[in-house]
Protein backbone atom coordinates (compact mmCIF):
# COMPACT_ATOMS: atom_id res chain seq x y z
CA MET A 1 0.00 0.00 0.00
CA ILE A 2 2.85 2.37 0.69
CA LYS A 3 4.43 1.67 -2.73
CA ASN A 4 1.18 2.58 -4.49
CA PHE A 5 0.91 5.77 -2.43
CA ARG A 6 4.42 6.98 -3.36
CA ALA A 7 4.18 6.18 -7.06
CA PRO A 8 1.47 8.77 -7.91
CA ILE A 9 3.36 11.46 -5.96
CA GLY A 10 6.57 10.63 -7.83
CA TRP A 11 4.79 10.93 -11.19
CA GLY A 12 3.20 14.22 -10.10
CA VAL A 13 6.59 15.70 -9.20
CA ALA A 14 8.10 14.48 -12.49
CA LEU A 15 5.19 15.96 -14.47
CA ALA A 16 5.49 19.30 -12.63
CA ALA A 17 9.25 19.39 -13.23
CA ALA A 18 8.83 18.61 -16.94
CA THR A 19 6.22 21.36 -17.27
CA ALA A 20 8.50 23.87 -15.53
CA VAL A 21 11.40 22.98 -17.83
CA THR A 22 9.17 23.36 -20.89
CA VAL A 23 7.95 26.77 -19.73
CA THR A 24 11.50 27.94 -18.93
CA VAL A 25 12.94 26.73 -22.24
CA GLY A 26 10.05 28.31 -24.15
CA ALA A 27 10.58 31.63 -22.39
CA THR A 28 14.31 31.73 -23.14
CA THR A 29 14.14 30.64 -26.78
CA GLY A 30 11.04 32.49 -27.92
CA GLY A 31 10.28 36.17 -28.29
CA PRO A 32 11.76 38.89 -30.42
CA PRO A 33 15.52 39.48 -30.45
CA ASN A 34 16.98 42.43 -28.58
CA PRO A 35 16.43 45.61 -30.61
CA MET A 36 19.40 47.43 -32.05
CA PRO A 37 20.09 50.81 -30.40
CA ALA A 38 18.53 53.72 -32.28
CA ASP A 39 21.64 55.85 -31.75
CA PRO A 40 24.84 53.82 -32.03
CA GLN A 41 27.46 55.08 -29.65
CA THR A 42 30.32 55.62 -32.01
CA ARG A 43 33.32 57.42 -30.67
CA PRO A 44 35.29 59.60 -33.06
CA THR A 45 39.01 59.12 -33.27
CA ALA A 46 41.38 61.95 -32.44
CA GLY A 47 41.22 64.83 -34.89
CA GLN A 48 37.92 63.85 -36.55
CA GLU A 49 35.77 66.47 -34.85
CA LYS A 50 35.86 69.99 -36.23
CA GLU A 51 35.83 71.64 -32.80
CA PRO A 52 36.78 70.19 -29.43
CA ARG A 53 33.76 69.74 -27.19
CA THR A 54 33.94 71.75 -24.01
CA GLU A 55 30.63 70.53 -22.59
CA PRO A 56 28.55 67.42 -23.07
CA GLN A 57 25.35 67.54 -25.06
CA ALA A 58 23.00 66.98 -22.16
CA THR A 59 19.47 65.68 -22.43
CA GLU A 60 18.55 66.57 -18.87
CA HIS A 61 19.81 69.23 -16.50
CA ARG A 62 19.07 70.17 -12.92
CA ARG A 63 20.16 73.19 -10.90
CA ILE A 64 21.83 71.94 -7.74
CA ALA A 65 22.92 75.25 -6.15
CA SER A 66 22.59 78.98 -6.60
CA SER A 67 24.01 82.05 -4.91
CA VAL A 68 23.19 85.74 -5.39
CA LEU A 69 25.64 88.37 -4.20
CA GLY A 70 24.18 91.81 -3.80
CA ARG A 71 22.17 92.99 -6.74
CA ASP A 72 24.60 92.39 -9.55
CA LEU A 73 26.24 88.93 -9.34
CA LYS A 74 24.66 85.46 -9.40
CA PHE A 75 26.26 81.98 -9.50
CA THR A 76 24.62 78.66 -10.34
CA LEU A 77 25.76 75.04 -10.32
CA THR A 78 23.90 72.82 -12.78
CA ALA A 79 24.13 69.05 -13.21
CA LEU A 80 24.08 67.98 -16.88
CA ARG A 81 23.15 64.37 -17.55
CA SER A 82 25.28 62.60 -20.16
CA ARG A 83 23.75 61.46 -23.43
CA THR A 84 26.09 58.50 -23.73
CA ASP A 85 25.94 57.18 -20.15
CA PRO A 86 22.72 57.53 -18.13
CA PHE A 87 24.67 57.32 -14.86
CA ALA A 88 27.27 59.99 -15.73
CA ALA A 89 26.98 63.74 -15.44
CA SER A 90 28.94 66.95 -15.77
CA VAL A 91 28.66 70.05 -13.60
CA ARG A 92 28.49 73.56 -15.01
CA LEU A 93 29.28 76.72 -13.07
CA GLN A 94 27.61 79.82 -14.53
CA VAL A 95 28.09 83.45 -13.67
CA PHE A 96 25.34 86.00 -14.31
CA THR A 97 25.46 89.77 -14.04
CA PHE A 98 22.43 91.98 -13.62
CA ARG A 99 22.29 94.49 -16.48
CA ASN A 100 19.46 96.50 -17.95
CA GLY A 101 16.93 94.95 -15.58
CA ALA A 102 17.71 91.27 -16.31
CA TRP A 103 20.19 88.53 -15.38
CA ARG A 104 22.56 87.88 -18.29
CA GLU A 105 25.09 85.07 -18.41
CA SER A 106 28.60 86.44 -18.49
CA ASP A 107 30.58 83.16 -18.38
CA ARG A 108 30.39 79.41 -17.79
CA ALA A 109 32.88 76.67 -16.97
CA LEU A 110 32.88 72.98 -16.13
CA VAL A 111 33.60 71.83 -12.60
CA GLY A 112 35.83 68.80 -13.12
CA GLU A 113 35.91 66.86 -16.36
CA VAL A 114 33.13 66.04 -18.82
CA ASP A 115 30.93 63.18 -17.49
CA ALA A 116 33.21 62.77 -14.46
CA TRP A 117 30.37 62.82 -11.91
CA PHE A 118 27.54 60.42 -11.08
CA TRP A 119 24.02 61.71 -11.92
CA PHE A 120 22.09 60.29 -8.97
CA PRO A 121 24.36 61.51 -6.15
CA LEU A 122 24.56 64.95 -7.84
CA THR A 123 20.80 65.32 -7.99
CA GLY A 124 20.06 63.76 -4.61
CA ARG A 125 20.09 65.10 -1.07
CA HIS A 126 23.37 66.46 0.27
CA ALA A 127 24.88 66.73 -3.23
CA VAL A 128 26.65 70.00 -2.51
CA CYS A 129 29.34 69.65 0.15
CA GLU A 130 30.68 73.18 -0.29
CA PHE A 131 29.59 76.11 -2.44
CA SER A 132 31.03 79.34 -1.15
CA THR A 133 31.08 82.69 -2.89
CA ALA A 134 32.15 86.17 -1.90
CA GLY A 135 31.42 89.61 -3.29
CA THR A 136 35.03 90.83 -3.28
CA GLU A 137 36.93 91.62 -6.47
CA PRO A 138 38.12 89.11 -7.66
CA ALA A 139 35.22 87.03 -6.33
CA PRO A 140 36.38 83.64 -5.01
CA VAL A 141 34.19 80.58 -5.61
CA ALA A 142 34.84 77.20 -3.97
CA VAL A 143 32.97 74.04 -5.03
CA SER A 144 33.00 70.54 -3.52
CA LEU A 145 30.39 67.97 -4.53
CA LEU A 146 29.34 64.52 -3.39
CA ILE A 147 31.03 61.79 -5.42
CA THR A 148 28.98 58.97 -3.85
CA PRO A 149 27.66 58.51 -0.32
CA SER A 150 30.27 55.86 0.39
CA ILE A 151 33.21 57.80 -1.08
CA GLY A 152 32.20 61.21 0.23
CA CYS A 153 32.94 64.68 -1.06
CA SER A 154 35.31 65.68 -3.84
CA PRO A 155 38.35 67.87 -3.25
CA THR A 156 37.47 71.56 -3.38
CA GLU A 157 37.81 73.24 -6.77
CA ASN A 158 38.55 76.95 -6.58
CA PHE A 159 37.70 79.62 -9.11
CA ARG A 160 37.83 83.39 -9.10
CA ILE A 161 35.56 85.75 -10.96
CA GLU A 162 37.13 88.83 -12.52
CA ASN A 163 34.87 91.22 -14.45
CA GLY A 164 32.27 88.45 -14.86
CA GLN A 165 34.79 85.91 -16.25
CA ILE A 166 35.58 82.57 -14.56
CA ILE A 167 39.27 81.91 -13.96
CA PRO A 168 40.38 78.59 -12.40
CA ALA A 169 42.44 79.34 -9.30
């Protein structure tokens, strides 16, 4: 009686296992192939581009810090998401002067290298470790940003602003 009781259970397990294998094999072999990327990521060789790129062509940007000094000088830090790597970003420092009743950009520069930062830490909480500005002439600007939560903050990059122009210090 015990042999007859175990036999149907054994066949039930074998049938369930065979069905699972069939479903798994069908799922891995069927379906459409992976689509080709719409924009192949070709990298030009040295000297092929007409002009050297100074900033990435960003698809998304987010202001991460801003500072206004008096009524005539404004600084912004903007994260620029990379088009080639969704996890990479660049950071742009912009200087604006107030003329004729409006803020007008007088200069811009990259903080660090192109796509040298990570997008998510830059656009998350506590992204700016240090952003100090002063209204003296030349105006000093110090920037330190979060690399990742586990690594911590970047070394401070210093700039000075003379007549609305950014000069690395």
